[in-house]
Protein backbone atom coordinates (compact mmCIF):
# COMPACT_ATOMS: atom_id res chain seq x y z
CA UNK A 1 27.48 -7.98 13.13
CA UNK A 2 23.70 -7.97 13.48
CA UNK A 3 22.13 -4.88 11.97
CA UNK A 4 18.69 -3.41 11.54
CA UNK A 5 17.22 -1.05 8.99
CA UNK A 6 15.90 2.20 10.42
CA UNK A 7 14.50 5.54 9.36
CA UNK A 8 15.54 8.67 11.20
CA UNK A 9 12.98 11.43 10.68
CA UNK A 10 14.41 14.92 11.16
CA UNK A 11 12.85 18.38 11.31
CA UNK A 12 15.19 21.35 11.11
CA UNK A 13 13.81 24.62 12.46
CA UNK A 14 17.14 26.37 13.14
CA UNK A 15 19.24 26.63 10.00
CA UNK A 16 22.28 27.54 12.09
CA UNK A 17 22.48 23.82 12.97
CA UNK A 18 22.64 22.58 9.38
CA UNK A 19 26.45 22.44 9.23
CA UNK A 20 26.62 20.37 12.42
CA UNK A 21 23.84 18.08 11.12
CA UNK A 22 25.66 17.53 7.85
CA UNK A 23 28.86 16.74 9.75
CA UNK A 24 27.07 14.05 11.79
CA UNK A 25 25.65 12.56 8.60
CA UNK A 26 29.05 12.68 6.90
CA UNK A 27 30.70 10.92 9.86
CA UNK A 28 28.14 8.12 9.55
CA UNK A 29 28.00 7.88 5.76
CA UNK A 30 29.09 4.23 5.89
CA UNK A 31 25.73 3.15 7.40
CA UNK A 32 23.47 5.52 5.45
CA UNK A 33 21.46 3.80 2.73
CA UNK A 34 19.88 7.00 1.46
CA UNK A 35 18.55 10.37 2.45
CA UNK A 36 15.82 12.73 1.34
CA UNK A 37 15.42 16.35 2.31
CA UNK A 38 12.45 18.57 1.60
CA UNK A 39 12.60 22.31 2.26
CA UNK A 40 9.18 23.45 3.41
CA UNK A 41 9.57 27.12 2.60
CA UNK A 42 6.04 28.09 3.64
CA UNK A 43 6.88 27.08 7.22
CA UNK A 44 10.61 27.95 7.05
CA UNK A 45 11.66 24.42 8.06
CA UNK A 46 13.24 21.39 6.41
CA UNK A 47 11.98 17.82 6.70
CA UNK A 48 14.47 14.99 6.21
CA UNK A 49 14.46 11.22 6.29
CA UNK A 50 17.62 9.18 6.61
CA UNK A 51 17.57 5.41 5.93
CA UNK A 52 20.31 3.51 7.74
CA UNK A 53 21.51 -0.08 8.14
CA UNK A 54 23.44 -0.43 11.40
CA UNK A 55 23.42 -2.00 14.84
CA UNK A 56 20.94 -0.48 17.29
CA UNK A 57 23.64 1.25 19.36
CA UNK A 58 24.88 3.10 16.28
CA UNK A 59 21.36 4.01 15.17
CA UNK A 60 20.52 5.39 18.61
CA UNK A 61 23.83 7.28 18.84
CA UNK A 62 23.24 8.99 15.48
CA UNK A 63 19.66 9.91 16.39
CA UNK A 64 20.76 11.16 19.82
CA UNK A 65 23.50 13.39 18.40
CA UNK A 66 21.07 14.85 15.87
CA UNK A 67 18.39 15.42 18.52
CA UNK A 68 20.84 17.39 20.69
CA UNK A 69 21.34 20.02 17.99
CA UNK A 70 19.62 23.34 18.62
CA UNK A 71 16.37 23.65 16.69
CA UNK A 72 16.54 20.09 15.36
CA UNK A 73 14.29 17.20 16.35
CA UNK A 74 14.76 13.55 15.41
CA UNK A 75 12.66 10.41 15.82
CA UNK A 76 13.67 6.90 14.85
CA UNK A 77 11.74 3.86 13.64
CA UNK A 78 13.78 0.65 13.75
CA UNK A 79 12.86 -2.56 11.94
CA UNK A 80 11.92 -5.52 14.08
CA UNK A 81 13.81 -7.93 11.86
CA UNK A 82 17.50 -8.39 12.48
CA UNK A 83 19.63 -8.54 9.34
CA UNK A 84 22.32 -11.04 10.23
CA UNK A 85 25.54 -11.26 8.26
């Protein structure tokens, strides 16, 4: 399968969506390379970055599911180089 490396940038403004976000990430743990979360207490938000290695359909599906959560926004940057197995 041809895969690409991507970063999904996430901003959480509604903490009621955190459980659903974590469930999405757990469901896709097999393609997650790493994750970093930073609580920005001064603004009452959290900023996250998720590094993934997956096919573009999977990357877009994960980002789309996250972006549909209330009070959560997600943007994705996908590598231009295909990692072929």
